[in-house]
Protein backbone atom coordinates (compact mmCIF):
# COMPACT_ATOMS: atom_id res chain seq x y z
CA MET A 1 54.85 29.02 113.55
CA GLU A 2 55.76 29.38 109.77
CA SER A 3 56.99 32.84 109.75
CA GLY A 4 60.19 32.32 111.12
CA PRO A 5 61.40 29.83 108.79
CA ALA A 6 60.27 32.61 106.19
CA ILE A 7 62.29 35.26 107.60
CA PHE A 8 65.27 33.06 107.44
CA ALA A 9 64.53 32.09 104.13
CA GLY A 10 63.99 35.70 103.18
CA VAL A 11 66.98 37.24 104.97
CA VAL A 12 69.47 34.52 103.17
CA PHE A 13 68.32 35.26 99.65
CA ALA A 14 68.27 38.99 100.01
CA LEU A 15 71.85 38.59 101.66
CA PHE A 16 72.80 36.23 99.06
CA GLY A 17 71.29 38.74 96.03
CA GLY A 18 72.71 41.86 97.49
CA ALA A 19 76.32 40.20 97.43
CA LEU A 20 76.15 38.77 94.65
CA LEU A 21 74.81 42.45 92.58
CA VAL A 22 77.81 43.94 94.62
CA TRP A 23 80.26 41.51 93.63
CA THR A 24 79.28 41.41 90.19
CA GLY A 25 79.51 45.45 89.63
CA THR A 26 82.83 45.56 91.57
CA ARG A 27 84.29 42.77 88.87
CA LEU A 28 82.83 44.85 85.78
CA ARG A 29 84.29 48.13 87.01
CA ARG A 30 87.63 46.96 87.89
CA GLY A 31 87.36 45.24 84.16
CA GLU A 32 88.25 41.90 85.85
CA PRO A 33 86.63 38.48 84.53
CA VAL A 34 83.13 37.36 86.56
CA ALA A 35 83.82 34.24 85.69
CA GLN A 36 86.89 32.00 84.24
CA GLY A 37 86.68 31.40 80.53
CA VAL A 38 83.32 32.88 80.00
CA SER A 39 82.05 35.92 77.77
CA GLN A 40 82.28 38.91 80.25
CA VAL A 41 79.14 39.86 79.20
CA ALA A 42 77.17 36.74 79.33
CA SER A 43 78.81 35.92 82.92
CA ALA A 44 78.15 39.31 84.02
CA THR A 45 74.44 39.14 82.60
CA LEU A 46 73.97 35.79 84.63
CA ALA A 47 75.35 36.82 87.58
CA SER A 48 72.90 39.79 87.74
CA LEU A 49 69.71 37.78 86.86
CA ALA A 50 70.77 35.45 89.49
CA ALA A 51 71.49 38.06 92.04
CA VAL A 52 67.72 39.60 90.58
CA VAL A 53 66.03 36.25 91.05
CA ALA A 54 67.23 35.95 94.59
CA LEU A 55 66.32 39.23 95.67
CA GLY A 56 62.74 38.72 94.08
CA LEU A 57 62.50 35.14 96.55
CA ALA A 58 63.83 37.50 99.44
CA ALA A 59 60.80 40.12 98.51
CA TYR A 60 58.25 36.90 98.23
CA CYS A 61 59.33 35.21 101.49
CA LEU A 62 59.24 38.36 103.52
CA THR A 63 55.95 39.29 102.09
CA ARG A 64 54.16 35.90 102.99
CA LEU A 65 54.37 36.93 106.68
């Protein structure tokens, strides 16, 4: 009964983390800022860290089935 919400949460975390990594990489490759008014290195680091955390949460949710 609890596997449904775990699968849903895992998929949502995986989609968010993957999309954030792709978006951050695309912005960096084009030389565009990741966040307005913030150092490019700091914003890219923070966005990448958030994406990795989201992917880690996805892995955690999907392995707890």
